[in-house]
Amino acid sequence: MAQQVSSAQFNELLKGDKPVVCDFFATWCGPCKMLAPVFTKLAEKHAAEAVFVKVDVDECMDIASRYGIMSIPYIAIFKDGEMSAKSVGFMPEGEFEQFLSDNL
């Protein structure tokens, strides 16, 4: 299950051993709402491989600004505290699955 995290929780997760898959979103964003069930489904499927979290860019402007996030939904994979892959915009489930396979 992908949980929404605060800036402090996000920063703490980046220090962990597992890759972090983050969905940067906003509550008012239509494509973000479309991506949410896909993200949740794949988060459950790949829970053993990575930590899946959601960051609201309006609540965590410091994180959005740090990574230069201008468009959402913005999916980023972090390994060893660094962003290793990103995808901007809505992805259908199959494409998202391929993105995870290629980058986890």
C-alpha atoms as a PDB file:
ATOM      1  CA  MET A   1       0.000   0.000   0.000  1.00  0.00           C
ATOM      2  CA  ALA A   2       1.314   3.409  -0.944  1.00  0.00           C
ATOM      3  CA  GLN A   3       0.989   5.911   1.850  1.00  0.00           C
ATOM      4  CA  GLN A   4       1.137   9.677   1.634  1.00  0.00           C
ATOM      5  CA  VAL A   5       4.182  11.020   3.456  1.00  0.00           C
ATOM      6  CA  SER A   6       5.421  14.342   4.778  1.00  0.00           C
ATOM      7  CA  SER A   7       8.704  15.963   3.756  1.00  0.00           C
ATOM      8  CA  ALA A   8      10.402  14.633   6.896  1.00  0.00           C
ATOM      9  CA  GLN A   9       9.139  11.078   6.319  1.00  0.00           C
ATOM     10  CA  PHE A  10      10.218  11.229   2.664  1.00  0.00           C
ATOM     11  CA  ASN A  11      13.729  12.376   3.592  1.00  0.00           C
ATOM     12  CA  GLU A  12      13.956   9.540   6.140  1.00  0.00           C
ATOM     13  CA  LEU A  13      12.839   6.925   3.583  1.00  0.00           C
ATOM     14  CA  LEU A  14      15.592   8.017   1.173  1.00  0.00           C
ATOM     15  CA  LYS A  15      18.144   6.874   3.777  1.00  0.00           C
ATOM     16  CA  GLY A  16      16.754   3.306   3.749  1.00  0.00           C
ATOM     17  CA  ASP A  17      18.059   0.244   1.925  1.00  0.00           C
ATOM     18  CA  LYS A  18      15.112  -0.219  -0.435  1.00  0.00           C
ATOM     19  CA  PRO A  19      14.467   1.830  -3.560  1.00  0.00           C
ATOM     20  CA  VAL A  20      11.700   4.410  -3.110  1.00  0.00           C
ATOM     21  CA  VAL A  21       9.045   4.838  -5.805  1.00  0.00           C
ATOM     22  CA  CYS A  22       7.330   8.189  -5.321  1.00  0.00           C
ATOM     23  CA  ASP A  23       4.162   9.523  -6.905  1.00  0.00           C
ATOM     24  CA  PHE A  24       4.329  13.322  -6.774  1.00  0.00           C
ATOM     25  CA  PHE A  25       0.718  14.486  -7.118  1.00  0.00           C
ATOM     26  CA  ALA A  26      -1.843  17.156  -6.221  1.00  0.00           C
ATOM     27  CA  THR A  27      -5.428  16.664  -5.098  1.00  0.00           C
ATOM     28  CA  TRP A  28      -6.736  18.940  -7.906  1.00  0.00           C
ATOM     29  CA  CYS A  29      -4.850  17.099 -10.707  1.00  0.00           C
ATOM     30  CA  GLY A  30      -7.078  15.002 -13.004  1.00  0.00           C
ATOM     31  CA  PRO A  31      -4.313  12.773 -14.448  1.00  0.00           C
ATOM     32  CA  CYS A  32      -3.041  12.222 -10.870  1.00  0.00           C
ATOM     33  CA  LYS A  33      -6.470  10.904  -9.880  1.00  0.00           C
ATOM     34  CA  MET A  34      -6.423   8.584 -12.916  1.00  0.00           C
ATOM     35  CA  LEU A  35      -2.973   7.276 -11.968  1.00  0.00           C
ATOM     36  CA  ALA A  36      -3.779   6.725  -8.270  1.00  0.00           C
ATOM     37  CA  PRO A  37      -5.467   3.275  -8.583  1.00  0.00           C
ATOM     38  CA  VAL A  38      -2.732   2.060 -10.965  1.00  0.00           C
ATOM     39  CA  PHE A  39      -0.042   3.257  -8.526  1.00  0.00           C
ATOM     40  CA  THR A  40      -1.803   1.552  -5.602  1.00  0.00           C
ATOM     41  CA  LYS A  41      -2.189  -1.735  -7.491  1.00  0.00           C
ATOM     42  CA  LEU A  42       1.466  -1.833  -8.560  1.00  0.00           C
ATOM     43  CA  ALA A  43       2.605  -0.722  -5.102  1.00  0.00           C
ATOM     44  CA  GLU A  44       0.956  -3.830  -3.642  1.00  0.00           C
ATOM     45  CA  LYS A  45       2.359  -6.065  -6.386  1.00  0.00           C
ATOM     46  CA  HIS A  46       5.942  -4.784  -6.007  1.00  0.00           C
ATOM     47  CA  ALA A  47       5.970  -4.148  -2.243  1.00  0.00           C
ATOM     48  CA  ALA A  48       8.850  -6.610  -1.728  1.00  0.00           C
ATOM     49  CA  GLU A  49      11.069  -4.706  -4.172  1.00  0.00           C
ATOM     50  CA  ALA A  50      10.557  -1.089  -3.147  1.00  0.00           C
ATOM     51  CA  VAL A  51       8.830   1.360  -0.831  1.00  0.00           C
ATOM     52  CA  PHE A  52       5.943   3.140  -2.580  1.00  0.00           C
ATOM     53  CA  VAL A  53       4.913   6.577  -1.329  1.00  0.00           C
ATOM     54  CA  LYS A  54       2.872   9.557  -2.438  1.00  0.00           C
ATOM     55  CA  VAL A  55       3.956  13.178  -1.946  1.00  0.00           C
ATOM     56  CA  ASP A  56       1.447  16.030  -2.313  1.00  0.00           C
ATOM     57  CA  VAL A  57       3.403  18.782  -4.097  1.00  0.00           C
ATOM     58  CA  ASP A  58       1.191  21.475  -2.556  1.00  0.00           C
ATOM     59  CA  GLU A  59       1.935  20.245   0.979  1.00  0.00           C
ATOM     60  CA  CYS A  60       5.612  19.438   0.373  1.00  0.00           C
ATOM     61  CA  MET A  61       6.759  22.329  -1.795  1.00  0.00           C
ATOM     62  CA  ASP A  62      10.325  21.930  -0.492  1.00  0.00           C
ATOM     63  CA  ILE A  63      10.573  18.420  -1.974  1.00  0.00           C
ATOM     64  CA  ALA A  64       8.920  19.444  -5.269  1.00  0.00           C
ATOM     65  CA  SER A  65      11.293  22.382  -5.541  1.00  0.00           C
ATOM     66  CA  ARG A  66      14.380  20.269  -4.674  1.00  0.00           C
ATOM     67  CA  TYR A  67      13.698  17.953  -7.614  1.00  0.00           C
ATOM     68  CA  GLY A  68      12.414  20.651  -9.988  1.00  0.00           C
ATOM     69  CA  ILE A  69       8.977  19.101 -10.323  1.00  0.00           C
ATOM     70  CA  MET A  70       6.925  21.347 -12.584  1.00  0.00           C
ATOM     71  CA  SER A  71       4.442  18.830 -14.061  1.00  0.00           C
ATOM     72  CA  ILE A  72       2.428  16.114 -12.349  1.00  0.00           C
ATOM     73  CA  PRO A  73       1.836  13.261 -12.013  1.00  0.00           C
ATOM     74  CA  TYR A  74       5.573  12.764 -11.694  1.00  0.00           C
ATOM     75  CA  ILE A  75       6.793   9.289 -10.786  1.00  0.00           C
ATOM     76  CA  ALA A  76      10.363   9.090  -9.513  1.00  0.00           C
ATOM     77  CA  ILE A  77      12.487   6.159  -8.393  1.00  0.00           C
ATOM     78  CA  PHE A  78      15.178   6.852  -5.829  1.00  0.00           C
ATOM     79  CA  LYS A  79      18.099   4.523  -5.133  1.00  0.00           C
ATOM     80  CA  ASP A  80      20.685   5.261  -2.450  1.00  0.00           C
ATOM     81  CA  GLY A  81      18.999   8.612  -1.848  1.00  0.00           C
ATOM     82  CA  GLU A  82      19.371   9.783  -5.462  1.00  0.00           C
ATOM     83  CA  MET A  83      16.753   9.984  -8.212  1.00  0.00           C
ATOM     84  CA  SER A  84      17.599   7.213 -10.677  1.00  0.00           C
ATOM     85  CA  ALA A  85      14.532   7.318 -12.974  1.00  0.00           C
ATOM     86  CA  LYS A  86      11.495   9.490 -13.610  1.00  0.00           C
ATOM     87  CA  SER A  87       8.343   9.589 -15.690  1.00  0.00           C
ATOM     88  CA  VAL A  88       6.071  12.587 -16.134  1.00  0.00           C
ATOM     89  CA  GLY A  89       2.383  12.292 -16.934  1.00  0.00           C
ATOM     90  CA  PHE A  90      -0.205   9.542 -16.766  1.00  0.00           C
ATOM     91  CA  MET A  91       0.959   5.993 -17.549  1.00  0.00           C
ATOM     92  CA  PRO A  92      -1.401   3.092 -18.241  1.00  0.00           C
ATOM     93  CA  GLU A  93      -0.767   0.040 -16.058  1.00  0.00           C
ATOM     94  CA  GLY A  94       1.259  -1.888 -18.660  1.00  0.00           C
ATOM     95  CA  GLU A  95       3.563   1.059 -19.316  1.00  0.00           C
ATOM     96  CA  PHE A  96       3.982   1.691 -15.577  1.00  0.00           C
ATOM     97  CA  GLU A  97       4.779  -2.003 -15.033  1.00  0.00           C
ATOM     98  CA  GLN A  98       7.484  -1.783 -17.742  1.00  0.00           C
ATOM     99  CA  PHE A  99       8.878   1.404 -16.155  1.00  0.00           C
ATOM    100  CA  LEU A 100       9.210  -0.431 -12.827  1.00  0.00           C
ATOM    101  CA  SER A 101      10.764  -3.517 -14.471  1.00  0.00           C
ATOM    102  CA  ASP A 102      13.315  -1.368 -16.270  1.00  0.00           C
ATOM    103  CA  ASN A 103      14.267   0.725 -13.252  1.00  0.00           C
ATOM    104  CA  LEU A 104      13.902  -1.263 -10.013  1.00  0.00           C
END
